[in-house]
Amino acid sequence: MGKILCVKKKSETWKFNSKDVLYVKQDGREVNIVTNRMKISEYGSLEDYVVQLREGFYRCHKYCLINFNNVCYMKSGEIFFENGECVYLGENNFRATRQAFHAYFDNEVESVDSNQISFLR
């Protein structure tokens, strides 16, 4: 289950669930919220989202917050999401993000019954 977020911009208002957020990225004075279905841009600060989005989210860069639950795979400084979106990171940020990703899912796996997990080789 996720947290319901509401974004208001001039005469428009969007409502979405935090579990649907792929990533949130600061671009100058704008914050871009990317979900499976839409991309919303608003004036603001990434810090507002860091406070609201905690469980499953990781700050992979000074200007980017990703949802580990929607990451499909990572390779060579690229993080790919379920809808084909991609976030690029430098080597150091990528290494730290990959380690945090593994640690996050190691904790998740411990709380899941081993009969529910299958591995592909």
PDB file of N, CA and C in Angstrom:
ATOM      1  N   MET A   1       0.844  -1.171   0.000  1.00  0.00           N
ATOM      2  CA  MET A   1       0.000   0.000   0.000  1.00  0.00           C
ATOM      3  C   MET A   1       0.891   1.236   0.000  1.00  0.00           C
ATOM      4  N   GLY A   2       0.460   2.276  -0.592  1.00  0.00           N
ATOM      5  CA  GLY A   2       1.264   3.486  -0.655  1.00  0.00           C
ATOM      6  C   GLY A   2       0.548   4.660  -0.020  1.00  0.00           C
ATOM      7  N   LYS A   3       1.216   5.761  -0.032  1.00  0.00           N
ATOM      8  CA  LYS A   3       0.680   7.004   0.503  1.00  0.00           C
ATOM      9  C   LYS A   3       0.069   7.795  -0.649  1.00  0.00           C
ATOM     10  N   ILE A   4      -1.087   8.375  -0.442  1.00  0.00           N
ATOM     11  CA  ILE A   4      -1.723   9.194  -1.477  1.00  0.00           C
ATOM     12  C   ILE A   4      -1.100  10.585  -1.464  1.00  0.00           C
ATOM     13  N   LEU A   5      -0.643  11.022  -2.634  1.00  0.00           N
ATOM     14  CA  LEU A   5      -0.053  12.342  -2.787  1.00  0.00           C
ATOM     15  C   LEU A   5      -0.934  13.191  -3.675  1.00  0.00           C
ATOM     16  N   CYS A   6      -0.931  14.466  -3.414  1.00  0.00           N
ATOM     17  CA  CYS A   6      -1.718  15.399  -4.211  1.00  0.00           C
ATOM     18  C   CYS A   6      -0.803  16.546  -4.638  1.00  0.00           C
ATOM     19  N   VAL A   7      -0.786  16.834  -5.931  1.00  0.00           N
ATOM     20  CA  VAL A   7       0.034  17.920  -6.466  1.00  0.00           C
ATOM     21  C   VAL A   7      -0.902  18.948  -7.076  1.00  0.00           C
ATOM     22  N   LYS A   8      -0.765  20.179  -6.634  1.00  0.00           N
ATOM     23  CA  LYS A   8      -1.591  21.275  -7.137  1.00  0.00           C
ATOM     24  C   LYS A   8      -0.717  22.220  -7.939  1.00  0.00           C
ATOM     25  N   LYS A   9      -1.173  22.546  -9.139  1.00  0.00           N
ATOM     26  CA  LYS A   9      -0.427  23.450 -10.006  1.00  0.00           C
ATOM     27  C   LYS A   9      -1.424  24.339 -10.735  1.00  0.00           C
ATOM     28  N   LYS A  10      -1.406  25.619 -10.424  1.00  0.00           N
ATOM     29  CA  LYS A  10      -2.343  26.582 -10.999  1.00  0.00           C
ATOM     30  C   LYS A  10      -3.764  26.048 -10.893  1.00  0.00           C
ATOM     31  N   SER A  11      -4.413  25.775 -12.014  1.00  0.00           N
ATOM     32  CA  SER A  11      -5.798  25.305 -11.992  1.00  0.00           C
ATOM     33  C   SER A  11      -5.905  23.782 -12.091  1.00  0.00           C
ATOM     34  N   GLU A  12      -4.774  23.085 -12.004  1.00  0.00           N
ATOM     35  CA  GLU A  12      -4.783  21.625 -12.132  1.00  0.00           C
ATOM     36  C   GLU A  12      -4.399  20.971 -10.811  1.00  0.00           C
ATOM     37  N   THR A  13      -4.985  19.804 -10.563  1.00  0.00           N
ATOM     38  CA  THR A  13      -4.654  19.017  -9.373  1.00  0.00           C
ATOM     39  C   THR A  13      -4.544  17.560  -9.783  1.00  0.00           C
ATOM     40  N   TRP A  14      -3.474  16.899  -9.343  1.00  0.00           N
ATOM     41  CA  TRP A  14      -3.268  15.481  -9.623  1.00  0.00           C
ATOM     42  C   TRP A  14      -3.226  14.729  -8.303  1.00  0.00           C
ATOM     43  N   LYS A  15      -3.798  13.535  -8.311  1.00  0.00           N
ATOM     44  CA  LYS A  15      -3.730  12.655  -7.153  1.00  0.00           C
ATOM     45  C   LYS A  15      -3.153  11.331  -7.621  1.00  0.00           C
ATOM     46  N   PHE A  16      -2.205  10.783  -6.854  1.00  0.00           N
ATOM     47  CA  PHE A  16      -1.621   9.501  -7.217  1.00  0.00           C
ATOM     48  C   PHE A  16      -1.073   8.820  -5.978  1.00  0.00           C
ATOM     49  N   ASN A  17      -0.823   7.534  -6.101  1.00  0.00           N
ATOM     50  CA  ASN A  17      -0.311   6.741  -5.001  1.00  0.00           C
ATOM     51  C   ASN A  17       1.212   6.725  -5.062  1.00  0.00           C
ATOM     52  N   SER A  18       1.867   6.822  -3.927  1.00  0.00           N
ATOM     53  CA  SER A  18       3.329   6.850  -3.902  1.00  0.00           C
ATOM     54  C   SER A  18       3.941   5.574  -4.475  1.00  0.00           C
ATOM     55  N   LYS A  19       3.229   4.450  -4.401  1.00  0.00           N
ATOM     56  CA  LYS A  19       3.774   3.205  -4.951  1.00  0.00           C
ATOM     57  C   LYS A  19       3.879   3.254  -6.473  1.00  0.00           C
ATOM     58  N   ASP A  20       3.144   4.172  -7.112  1.00  0.00           N
ATOM     59  CA  ASP A  20       3.196   4.320  -8.566  1.00  0.00           C
ATOM     60  C   ASP A  20       4.327   5.233  -9.036  1.00  0.00           C
ATOM     61  N   VAL A  21       4.968   5.927  -8.111  1.00  0.00           N
ATOM     62  CA  VAL A  21       6.051   6.852  -8.466  1.00  0.00           C
ATOM     63  C   VAL A  21       7.296   6.051  -8.826  1.00  0.00           C
ATOM     64  N   LEU A  22       7.861   6.342  -9.996  1.00  0.00           N
ATOM     65  CA  LEU A  22       9.115   5.721 -10.406  1.00  0.00           C
ATOM     66  C   LEU A  22      10.286   6.487  -9.808  1.00  0.00           C
ATOM     67  N   TYR A  23      10.281   7.801 -10.041  1.00  0.00           N
ATOM     68  CA  TYR A  23      11.320   8.655  -9.472  1.00  0.00           C
ATOM     69  C   TYR A  23      10.845  10.097  -9.421  1.00  0.00           C
ATOM     70  N   VAL A  24      11.537  10.882  -8.612  1.00  0.00           N
ATOM     71  CA  VAL A  24      11.291  12.314  -8.489  1.00  0.00           C
ATOM     72  C   VAL A  24      12.645  12.980  -8.711  1.00  0.00           C
ATOM     73  N   LYS A  25      12.666  13.949  -9.610  1.00  0.00           N
ATOM     74  CA  LYS A  25      13.942  14.557  -9.980  1.00  0.00           C
ATOM     75  C   LYS A  25      13.822  16.085  -9.981  1.00  0.00           C
ATOM     76  N   GLN A  26      14.782  16.743  -9.342  1.00  0.00           N
ATOM     77  CA  GLN A  26      14.857  18.197  -9.338  1.00  0.00           C
ATOM     78  C   GLN A  26      15.549  18.656 -10.607  1.00  0.00           C
ATOM     79  N   ASP A  27      14.947  19.609 -11.299  1.00  0.00           N
ATOM     80  CA  ASP A  27      15.543  20.177 -12.502  1.00  0.00           C
ATOM     81  C   ASP A  27      15.423  21.692 -12.391  1.00  0.00           C
ATOM     82  N   GLY A  28      16.459  22.308 -11.852  1.00  0.00           N
ATOM     83  CA  GLY A  28      16.398  23.750 -11.595  1.00  0.00           C
ATOM     84  C   GLY A  28      15.384  24.029 -10.503  1.00  0.00           C
ATOM     85  N   ARG A  29      14.425  24.883 -10.793  1.00  0.00           N
ATOM     86  CA  ARG A  29      13.383  25.197  -9.807  1.00  0.00           C
ATOM     87  C   ARG A  29      12.193  24.248  -9.903  1.00  0.00           C
ATOM     88  N   GLU A  30      12.194  23.396 -10.908  1.00  0.00           N
ATOM     89  CA  GLU A  30      11.085  22.460 -11.082  1.00  0.00           C
ATOM     90  C   GLU A  30      11.403  21.084 -10.503  1.00  0.00           C
ATOM     91  N   VAL A  31      10.364  20.424 -10.018  1.00  0.00           N
ATOM     92  CA  VAL A  31      10.455  19.045  -9.573  1.00  0.00           C
ATOM     93  C   VAL A  31       9.594  18.226 -10.536  1.00  0.00           C
ATOM     94  N   ASN A  32      10.189  17.167 -11.099  1.00  0.00           N
ATOM     95  CA  ASN A  32       9.462  16.278 -12.004  1.00  0.00           C
ATOM     96  C   ASN A  32       9.143  14.990 -11.269  1.00  0.00           C
ATOM     97  N   ILE A  33       7.859  14.658 -11.192  1.00  0.00           N
ATOM     98  CA  ILE A  33       7.404  13.422 -10.576  1.00  0.00           C
ATOM     99  C   ILE A  33       7.007  12.499 -11.719  1.00  0.00           C
ATOM    100  N   VAL A  34       7.677  11.363 -11.843  1.00  0.00           N
ATOM    101  CA  VAL A  34       7.423  10.442 -12.944  1.00  0.00           C
ATOM    102  C   VAL A  34       6.779   9.180 -12.377  1.00  0.00           C
ATOM    103  N   THR A  35       5.588   8.857 -12.897  1.00  0.00           N
ATOM    104  CA  THR A  35       4.877   7.641 -12.501  1.00  0.00           C
ATOM    105  C   THR A  35       4.761   6.736 -13.726  1.00  0.00           C
ATOM    106  N   ASN A  36       4.132   5.597 -13.548  1.00  0.00           N
ATOM    107  CA  ASN A  36       3.904   4.697 -14.682  1.00  0.00           C
ATOM    108  C   ASN A  36       3.004   5.317 -15.740  1.00  0.00           C
ATOM    109  N   ARG A  37       2.126   6.220 -15.317  1.00  0.00           N
ATOM    110  CA  ARG A  37       1.132   6.768 -16.245  1.00  0.00           C
ATOM    111  C   ARG A  37       1.361   8.206 -16.674  1.00  0.00           C
ATOM    112  N   MET A  38       2.151   8.973 -15.892  1.00  0.00           N
ATOM    113  CA  MET A  38       2.263  10.396 -16.215  1.00  0.00           C
ATOM    114  C   MET A  38       3.549  10.998 -15.676  1.00  0.00           C
ATOM    115  N   LYS A  39       3.839  12.188 -16.175  1.00  0.00           N
ATOM    116  CA  LYS A  39       4.952  12.986 -15.670  1.00  0.00           C
ATOM    117  C   LYS A  39       4.377  14.340 -15.274  1.00  0.00           C
ATOM    118  N   ILE A  40       4.599  14.715 -14.033  1.00  0.00           N
ATOM    119  CA  ILE A  40       4.069  15.964 -13.508  1.00  0.00           C
ATOM    120  C   ILE A  40       5.244  16.861 -13.149  1.00  0.00           C
ATOM    121  N   SER A  41       5.191  18.106 -13.577  1.00  0.00           N
ATOM    122  CA  SER A  41       6.221  19.083 -13.228  1.00  0.00           C
ATOM    123  C   SER A  41       5.589  20.182 -12.406  1.00  0.00           C
ATOM    124  N   GLU A  42       6.270  20.550 -11.337  1.00  0.00           N
ATOM    125  CA  GLU A  42       5.788  21.647 -10.507  1.00  0.00           C
ATOM    126  C   GLU A  42       6.982  22.401  -9.953  1.00  0.00           C
ATOM    127  N   TYR A  43       6.758  23.646  -9.589  1.00  0.00           N
ATOM    128  CA  TYR A  43       7.812  24.407  -8.930  1.00  0.00           C
ATOM    129  C   TYR A  43       7.870  23.962  -7.482  1.00  0.00           C
ATOM    130  N   GLY A  44       9.073  23.706  -7.008  1.00  0.00           N
ATOM    131  CA  GLY A  44       9.221  23.266  -5.632  1.00  0.00           C
ATOM    132  C   GLY A  44      10.605  22.719  -5.388  1.00  0.00           C
ATOM    133  N   SER A  45      10.699  21.948  -4.318  1.00  0.00           N
ATOM    134  CA  SER A  45      11.978  21.410  -3.895  1.00  0.00           C
ATOM    135  C   SER A  45      11.886  19.895  -3.735  1.00  0.00           C
ATOM    136  N   LEU A  46      12.949  19.214  -4.085  1.00  0.00           N
ATOM    137  CA  LEU A  46      13.012  17.768  -3.891  1.00  0.00           C
ATOM    138  C   LEU A  46      12.882  17.424  -2.413  1.00  0.00           C
ATOM    139  N   GLU A  47      13.346  18.315  -1.549  1.00  0.00           N
ATOM    140  CA  GLU A  47      13.279  18.081  -0.103  1.00  0.00           C
ATOM    141  C   GLU A  47      11.853  17.815   0.372  1.00  0.00           C
ATOM    142  N   ASP A  48      10.862  18.456  -0.251  1.00  0.00           N
ATOM    143  CA  ASP A  48       9.468  18.225   0.119  1.00  0.00           C
ATOM    144  C   ASP A  48       9.087  16.764  -0.089  1.00  0.00           C
ATOM    145  N   TYR A  49       9.617  16.153  -1.131  1.00  0.00           N
ATOM    146  CA  TYR A  49       9.306  14.761  -1.438  1.00  0.00           C
ATOM    147  C   TYR A  49      10.141  13.789  -0.617  1.00  0.00           C
ATOM    148  N   VAL A  50      11.357  14.184  -0.275  1.00  0.00           N
ATOM    149  CA  VAL A  50      12.199  13.342   0.578  1.00  0.00           C
ATOM    150  C   VAL A  50      11.494  13.122   1.914  1.00  0.00           C
ATOM    151  N   VAL A  51      10.847  14.155   2.426  1.00  0.00           N
ATOM    152  CA  VAL A  51      10.130  14.057   3.692  1.00  0.00           C
ATOM    153  C   VAL A  51       8.889  13.173   3.554  1.00  0.00           C
ATOM    154  N   GLN A  52       8.160  13.300   2.456  1.00  0.00           N
ATOM    155  CA  GLN A  52       6.912  12.565   2.266  1.00  0.00           C
ATOM    156  C   GLN A  52       7.121  11.111   1.842  1.00  0.00           C
ATOM    157  N   LEU A  53       8.129  10.861   1.019  1.00  0.00           N
ATOM    158  CA  LEU A  53       8.343   9.529   0.457  1.00  0.00           C
ATOM    159  C   LEU A  53       9.503   8.858   1.186  1.00  0.00           C
ATOM    160  N   ARG A  54       9.216   7.891   1.984  1.00  0.00           N
ATOM    161  CA  ARG A  54      10.269   7.250   2.764  1.00  0.00           C
ATOM    162  C   ARG A  54      10.417   5.778   2.400  1.00  0.00           C
ATOM    163  N   GLU A  55       9.427   4.974   2.683  1.00  0.00           N
ATOM    164  CA  GLU A  55       9.521   3.525   2.515  1.00  0.00           C
ATOM    165  C   GLU A  55       9.739   3.144   1.049  1.00  0.00           C
ATOM    166  N   GLY A  56      10.868   2.529   0.776  1.00  0.00           N
ATOM    167  CA  GLY A  56      11.178   2.067  -0.574  1.00  0.00           C
ATOM    168  C   GLY A  56      11.850   3.094  -1.463  1.00  0.00           C
ATOM    169  N   PHE A  57      11.949   4.333  -0.995  1.00  0.00           N
ATOM    170  CA  PHE A  57      12.570   5.386  -1.791  1.00  0.00           C
ATOM    171  C   PHE A  57      14.006   5.614  -1.327  1.00  0.00           C
ATOM    172  N   TYR A  58      14.842   5.974  -2.277  1.00  0.00           N
ATOM    173  CA  TYR A  58      16.260   6.181  -1.986  1.00  0.00           C
ATOM    174  C   TYR A  58      16.759   7.396  -2.763  1.00  0.00           C
ATOM    175  N   ARG A  59      17.508   8.239  -2.099  1.00  0.00           N
ATOM    176  CA  ARG A  59      18.088   9.419  -2.754  1.00  0.00           C
ATOM    177  C   ARG A  59      19.408   8.993  -3.392  1.00  0.00           C
ATOM    178  N   CYS A  60      19.363   8.746  -4.686  1.00  0.00           N
ATOM    179  CA  CYS A  60      20.522   8.226  -5.405  1.00  0.00           C
ATOM    180  C   CYS A  60      21.471   9.332  -5.866  1.00  0.00           C
ATOM    181  N   HIS A  61      21.011  10.558  -5.781  1.00  0.00           N
ATOM    182  CA  HIS A  61      21.783  11.709  -6.231  1.00  0.00           C
ATOM    183  C   HIS A  61      21.219  12.928  -5.510  1.00  0.00           C
ATOM    184  N   LYS A  62      21.973  13.985  -5.465  1.00  0.00           N
ATOM    185  CA  LYS A  62      21.510  15.205  -4.803  1.00  0.00           C
ATOM    186  C   LYS A  62      20.161  15.668  -5.365  1.00  0.00           C
ATOM    187  N   TYR A  63      19.925  15.389  -6.645  1.00  0.00           N
ATOM    188  CA  TYR A  63      18.723  15.885  -7.307  1.00  0.00           C
ATOM    189  C   TYR A  63      17.739  14.787  -7.711  1.00  0.00           C
ATOM    190  N   CYS A  64      17.884  13.566  -7.171  1.00  0.00           N
ATOM    191  CA  CYS A  64      17.018  12.482  -7.629  1.00  0.00           C
ATOM    192  C   CYS A  64      16.683  11.496  -6.513  1.00  0.00           C
ATOM    193  N   LEU A  65      15.419  11.119  -6.465  1.00  0.00           N
ATOM    194  CA  LEU A  65      14.883  10.172  -5.503  1.00  0.00           C
ATOM    195  C   LEU A  65      14.208   9.061  -6.298  1.00  0.00           C
ATOM    196  N   ILE A  66      14.603   7.786  -6.082  1.00  0.00           N
ATOM    197  CA  ILE A  66      14.019   6.689  -6.857  1.00  0.00           C
ATOM    198  C   ILE A  66      13.236   5.743  -5.947  1.00  0.00           C
ATOM    199  N   ASN A  67      12.256   5.072  -6.548  1.00  0.00           N
ATOM    200  CA  ASN A  67      11.449   4.077  -5.853  1.00  0.00           C
ATOM    201  C   ASN A  67      12.025   2.701  -6.168  1.00  0.00           C
ATOM    202  N   PHE A  68      12.702   2.084  -5.199  1.00  0.00           N
ATOM    203  CA  PHE A  68      13.309   0.769  -5.408  1.00  0.00           C
ATOM    204  C   PHE A  68      12.288  -0.273  -5.859  1.00  0.00           C
ATOM    205  N   ASN A  69      11.047  -0.137  -5.433  1.00  0.00           N
ATOM    206  CA  ASN A  69      10.033  -1.137  -5.772  1.00  0.00           C
ATOM    207  C   ASN A  69       9.647  -1.136  -7.244  1.00  0.00           C
ATOM    208  N   ASN A  70      10.006  -0.082  -7.968  1.00  0.00           N
ATOM    209  CA  ASN A  70       9.676  -0.003  -9.393  1.00  0.00           C
ATOM    210  C   ASN A  70      10.894  -0.124 -10.301  1.00  0.00           C
ATOM    211  N   VAL A  71      12.046  -0.449  -9.720  1.00  0.00           N
ATOM    212  CA  VAL A  71      13.255  -0.640 -10.520  1.00  0.00           C
ATOM    213  C   VAL A  71      13.229  -2.038 -11.124  1.00  0.00           C
ATOM    214  N   CYS A  72      13.439  -2.113 -12.439  1.00  0.00           N
ATOM    215  CA  CYS A  72      13.508  -3.418 -13.113  1.00  0.00           C
ATOM    216  C   CYS A  72      14.920  -3.971 -13.064  1.00  0.00           C
ATOM    217  N   TYR A  73      15.881  -3.147 -13.449  1.00  0.00           N
ATOM    218  CA  TYR A  73      17.274  -3.581 -13.394  1.00  0.00           C
ATOM    219  C   TYR A  73      18.214  -2.392 -13.459  1.00  0.00           C
ATOM    220  N   MET A  74      19.461  -2.675 -13.091  1.00  0.00           N
ATOM    221  CA  MET A  74      20.513  -1.655 -13.083  1.00  0.00           C
ATOM    222  C   MET A  74      21.711  -2.209 -13.820  1.00  0.00           C
ATOM    223  N   LYS A  75      22.373  -1.330 -14.577  1.00  0.00           N
ATOM    224  CA  LYS A  75      23.629  -1.733 -15.216  1.00  0.00           C
ATOM    225  C   LYS A  75      24.420  -0.499 -15.612  1.00  0.00           C
ATOM    226  N   SER A  76      25.695  -0.550 -15.408  1.00  0.00           N
ATOM    227  CA  SER A  76      26.646   0.467 -15.876  1.00  0.00           C
ATOM    228  C   SER A  76      26.154   1.902 -15.711  1.00  0.00           C
ATOM    229  N   GLY A  77      25.717   2.273 -14.536  1.00  0.00           N
ATOM    230  CA  GLY A  77      25.304   3.650 -14.289  1.00  0.00           C
ATOM    231  C   GLY A  77      23.907   3.985 -14.761  1.00  0.00           C
ATOM    232  N   GLU A  78      23.130   2.988 -15.155  1.00  0.00           N
ATOM    233  CA  GLU A  78      21.761   3.219 -15.618  1.00  0.00           C
ATOM    234  C   GLU A  78      20.793   2.436 -14.734  1.00  0.00           C
ATOM    235  N   ILE A  79      19.691   3.083 -14.380  1.00  0.00           N
ATOM    236  CA  ILE A  79      18.642   2.434 -13.604  1.00  0.00           C
ATOM    237  C   ILE A  79      17.387   2.438 -14.471  1.00  0.00           C
ATOM    238  N   PHE A  80      16.854   1.247 -14.736  1.00  0.00           N
ATOM    239  CA  PHE A  80      15.694   1.102 -15.608  1.00  0.00           C
ATOM    240  C   PHE A  80      14.451   0.769 -14.790  1.00  0.00           C
ATOM    241  N   PHE A  81      13.341   1.376 -15.188  1.00  0.00           N
ATOM    242  CA  PHE A  81      12.072   1.190 -14.490  1.00  0.00           C
ATOM    243  C   PHE A  81      11.098   0.379 -15.341  1.00  0.00           C
ATOM    244  N   GLU A  82       9.980   0.019 -14.733  1.00  0.00           N
ATOM    245  CA  GLU A  82       8.994  -0.856 -15.367  1.00  0.00           C
ATOM    246  C   GLU A  82       8.457  -0.336 -16.695  1.00  0.00           C
ATOM    247  N   ASN A  83       8.365   0.975 -16.843  1.00  0.00           N
ATOM    248  CA  ASN A  83       7.792   1.532 -18.075  1.00  0.00           C
ATOM    249  C   ASN A  83       8.853   1.908 -19.116  1.00  0.00           C
ATOM    250  N   GLY A  84      10.118   1.533 -18.879  1.00  0.00           N
ATOM    251  CA  GLY A  84      11.180   1.833 -19.830  1.00  0.00           C
ATOM    252  C   GLY A  84      11.947   3.105 -19.531  1.00  0.00           C
ATOM    253  N   GLU A  85      11.475   3.905 -18.578  1.00  0.00           N
ATOM    254  CA  GLU A  85      12.207   5.112 -18.176  1.00  0.00           C
ATOM    255  C   GLU A  85      13.573   4.722 -17.627  1.00  0.00           C
ATOM    256  N   CYS A  86      14.510   5.643 -17.717  1.00  0.00           N
ATOM    257  CA  CYS A  86      15.875   5.367 -17.263  1.00  0.00           C
ATOM    258  C   CYS A  86      16.441   6.597 -16.557  1.00  0.00           C
ATOM    259  N   VAL A  87      17.188   6.357 -15.475  1.00  0.00           N
ATOM    260  CA  VAL A  87      17.905   7.410 -14.761  1.00  0.00           C
ATOM    261  C   VAL A  87      19.387   7.078 -14.863  1.00  0.00           C
ATOM    262  N   TYR A  88      20.190   8.067 -15.203  1.00  0.00           N
ATOM    263  CA  TYR A  88      21.630   7.882 -15.347  1.00  0.00           C
ATOM    264  C   TYR A  88      22.350   8.424 -14.117  1.00  0.00           C
ATOM    265  N   LEU A  89      23.353   7.661 -13.649  1.00  0.00           N
ATOM    266  CA  LEU A  89      24.130   8.071 -12.490  1.00  0.00           C
ATOM    267  C   LEU A  89      25.612   7.932 -12.776  1.00  0.00           C
ATOM    268  N   GLY A  90      26.410   8.739 -12.096  1.00  0.00           N
ATOM    269  CA  GLY A  90      27.854   8.581 -12.169  1.00  0.00           C
ATOM    270  C   GLY A  90      28.279   7.314 -11.424  1.00  0.00           C
ATOM    271  N   GLU A  91      29.517   6.940 -11.611  1.00  0.00           N
ATOM    272  CA  GLU A  91      30.015   5.668 -11.072  1.00  0.00           C
ATOM    273  C   GLU A  91      29.854   5.560  -9.551  1.00  0.00           C
ATOM    274  N   ASN A  92      30.238   6.589  -8.808  1.00  0.00           N
ATOM    275  CA  ASN A  92      30.149   6.528  -7.349  1.00  0.00           C
ATOM    276  C   ASN A  92      28.710   6.469  -6.858  1.00  0.00           C
ATOM    277  N   ASN A  93      27.845   7.303  -7.422  1.00  0.00           N
ATOM    278  CA  ASN A  93      26.434   7.280  -7.035  1.00  0.00           C
ATOM    279  C   ASN A  93      25.788   5.959  -7.423  1.00  0.00           C
ATOM    280  N   PHE A  94      26.162   5.426  -8.583  1.00  0.00           N
ATOM    281  CA  PHE A  94      25.597   4.147  -9.020  1.00  0.00           C
ATOM    282  C   PHE A  94      26.008   3.026  -8.069  1.00  0.00           C
ATOM    283  N   ARG A  95      27.267   2.993  -7.696  1.00  0.00           N
ATOM    284  CA  ARG A  95      27.767   1.946  -6.791  1.00  0.00           C
ATOM    285  C   ARG A  95      27.023   2.003  -5.449  1.00  0.00           C
ATOM    286  N   ALA A  96      26.878   3.193  -4.882  1.00  0.00           N
ATOM    287  CA  ALA A  96      26.179   3.359  -3.603  1.00  0.00           C
ATOM    288  C   ALA A  96      24.705   2.978  -3.730  1.00  0.00           C
ATOM    289  N   THR A  97      24.086   3.359  -4.854  1.00  0.00           N
ATOM    290  CA  THR A  97      22.680   3.038  -5.077  1.00  0.00           C
ATOM    291  C   THR A  97      22.491   1.535  -5.214  1.00  0.00           C
ATOM    292  N   ARG A  98      23.368   0.888  -5.945  1.00  0.00           N
ATOM    293  CA  ARG A  98      23.264  -0.565  -6.120  1.00  0.00           C
ATOM    294  C   ARG A  98      23.409  -1.284  -4.781  1.00  0.00           C
ATOM    295  N   GLN A  99      24.331  -0.840  -3.946  1.00  0.00           N
ATOM    296  CA  GLN A  99      24.505  -1.447  -2.620  1.00  0.00           C
ATOM    297  C   GLN A  99      23.252  -1.245  -1.762  1.00  0.00           C
ATOM    298  N   ALA A 100      22.684  -0.046  -1.794  1.00  0.00           N
ATOM    299  CA  ALA A 100      21.465   0.229  -1.028  1.00  0.00           C
ATOM    300  C   ALA A 100      20.296  -0.601  -1.556  1.00  0.00           C
ATOM    301  N   PHE A 101      20.231  -0.774  -2.869  1.00  0.00           N
ATOM    302  CA  PHE A 101      19.189  -1.578  -3.506  1.00  0.00           C
ATOM    303  C   PHE A 101      19.260  -3.025  -3.009  1.00  0.00           C
ATOM    304  N   HIS A 102      20.478  -3.593  -3.006  1.00  0.00           N
ATOM    305  CA  HIS A 102      20.656  -4.966  -2.531  1.00  0.00           C
ATOM    306  C   HIS A 102      20.314  -5.077  -1.042  1.00  0.00           C
ATOM    307  N   ALA A 103      20.736  -4.113  -0.258  1.00  0.00           N
ATOM    308  CA  ALA A 103      20.443  -4.127   1.179  1.00  0.00           C
ATOM    309  C   ALA A 103      18.941  -4.021   1.428  1.00  0.00           C
ATOM    310  N   TYR A 104      18.260  -3.169   0.671  1.00  0.00           N
ATOM    311  CA  TYR A 104      16.813  -2.999   0.826  1.00  0.00           C
ATOM    312  C   TYR A 104      16.102  -4.315   0.550  1.00  0.00           C
ATOM    313  N   PHE A 105      16.458  -4.984  -0.542  1.00  0.00           N
ATOM    314  CA  PHE A 105      15.766  -6.215  -0.883  1.00  0.00           C
ATOM    315  C   PHE A 105      16.234  -7.403  -0.056  1.00  0.00           C
ATOM    316  N   ASP A 106      17.426  -7.366   0.493  1.00  0.00           N
ATOM    317  CA  ASP A 106      17.832  -8.403   1.445  1.00  0.00           C
ATOM    318  C   ASP A 106      16.926  -8.352   2.667  1.00  0.00           C
ATOM    319  N   ASN A 107      16.617  -7.154   3.132  1.00  0.00           N
ATOM    320  CA  ASN A 107      15.698  -6.990   4.270  1.00  0.00           C
ATOM    321  C   ASN A 107      14.287  -7.429   3.904  1.00  0.00           C
ATOM    322  N   GLU A 108      13.840  -7.116   2.685  1.00  0.00           N
ATOM    323  CA  GLU A 108      12.515  -7.511   2.233  1.00  0.00           C
ATOM    324  C   GLU A 108      12.403  -9.026   2.135  1.00  0.00           C
ATOM    325  N   VAL A 109      13.430  -9.672   1.606  1.00  0.00           N
ATOM    326  CA  VAL A 109      13.408 -11.113   1.397  1.00  0.00           C
ATOM    327  C   VAL A 109      13.342 -11.856   2.729  1.00  0.00           C
ATOM    328  N   GLU A 110      13.998 -11.321   3.758  1.00  0.00           N
ATOM    329  CA  GLU A 110      13.961 -11.962   5.069  1.00  0.00           C
ATOM    330  C   GLU A 110      12.557 -12.028   5.630  1.00  0.00           C
ATOM    331  N   SER A 111      11.701 -11.081   5.258  1.00  0.00           N
ATOM    332  CA  SER A 111      10.343 -11.056   5.792  1.00  0.00           C
ATOM    333  C   SER A 111       9.350 -11.836   4.923  1.00  0.00           C
ATOM    334  N   VAL A 112       9.813 -12.444   3.837  1.00  0.00           N
ATOM    335  CA  VAL A 112       8.950 -13.201   2.929  1.00  0.00           C
ATOM    336  C   VAL A 112       9.210 -14.690   3.119  1.00  0.00           C
ATOM    337  N   ASP A 113       8.156 -15.474   3.051  1.00  0.00           N
ATOM    338  CA  ASP A 113       8.284 -16.920   3.156  1.00  0.00           C
ATOM    339  C   ASP A 113       9.127 -17.428   1.976  1.00  0.00           C
ATOM    340  N   SER A 114      10.115 -18.267   2.246  1.00  0.00           N
ATOM    341  CA  SER A 114      11.024 -18.738   1.198  1.00  0.00           C
ATOM    342  C   SER A 114      10.298 -19.519   0.109  1.00  0.00           C
ATOM    343  N   ASN A 115       9.110 -20.044   0.370  1.00  0.00           N
ATOM    344  CA  ASN A 115       8.343 -20.775  -0.649  1.00  0.00           C
ATOM    345  C   ASN A 115       7.762 -19.837  -1.693  1.00  0.00           C
ATOM    346  N   GLN A 116       7.741 -18.533  -1.392  1.00  0.00           N
ATOM    347  CA  GLN A 116       7.166 -17.541  -2.305  1.00  0.00           C
ATOM    348  C   GLN A 116       8.206 -16.974  -3.256  1.00  0.00           C
ATOM    349  N   ILE A 117       9.454 -17.358  -3.107  1.00  0.00           N
ATOM    350  CA  ILE A 117      10.542 -16.781  -3.901  1.00  0.00           C
ATOM    351  C   ILE A 117      11.048 -17.802  -4.904  1.00  0.00           C
ATOM    352  N   SER A 118      11.184 -17.373  -6.146  1.00  0.00           N
ATOM    353  CA  SER A 118      11.815 -18.249  -7.136  1.00  0.00           C
ATOM    354  C   SER A 118      12.912 -17.452  -7.821  1.00  0.00           C
ATOM    355  N   PHE A 119      14.000 -18.116  -8.130  1.00  0.00           N
ATOM    356  CA  PHE A 119      15.136 -17.470  -8.764  1.00  0.00           C
ATOM    357  C   PHE A 119      15.325 -18.023 -10.157  1.00  0.00           C
ATOM    358  N   LEU A 120      15.650 -17.162 -11.100  1.00  0.00           N
ATOM    359  CA  LEU A 120      15.939 -17.586 -12.468  1.00  0.00           C
ATOM    360  C   LEU A 120      17.432 -17.550 -12.664  1.00  0.00           C
ATOM    361  N   ARG A 121      17.949 -18.524 -13.341  1.00  0.00           N
ATOM    362  CA  ARG A 121      19.384 -18.565 -13.629  1.00  0.00           C
ATOM    363  C   ARG A 121      19.589 -18.626 -15.122  1.00  0.00           C
TER     364      ARG A 121
END
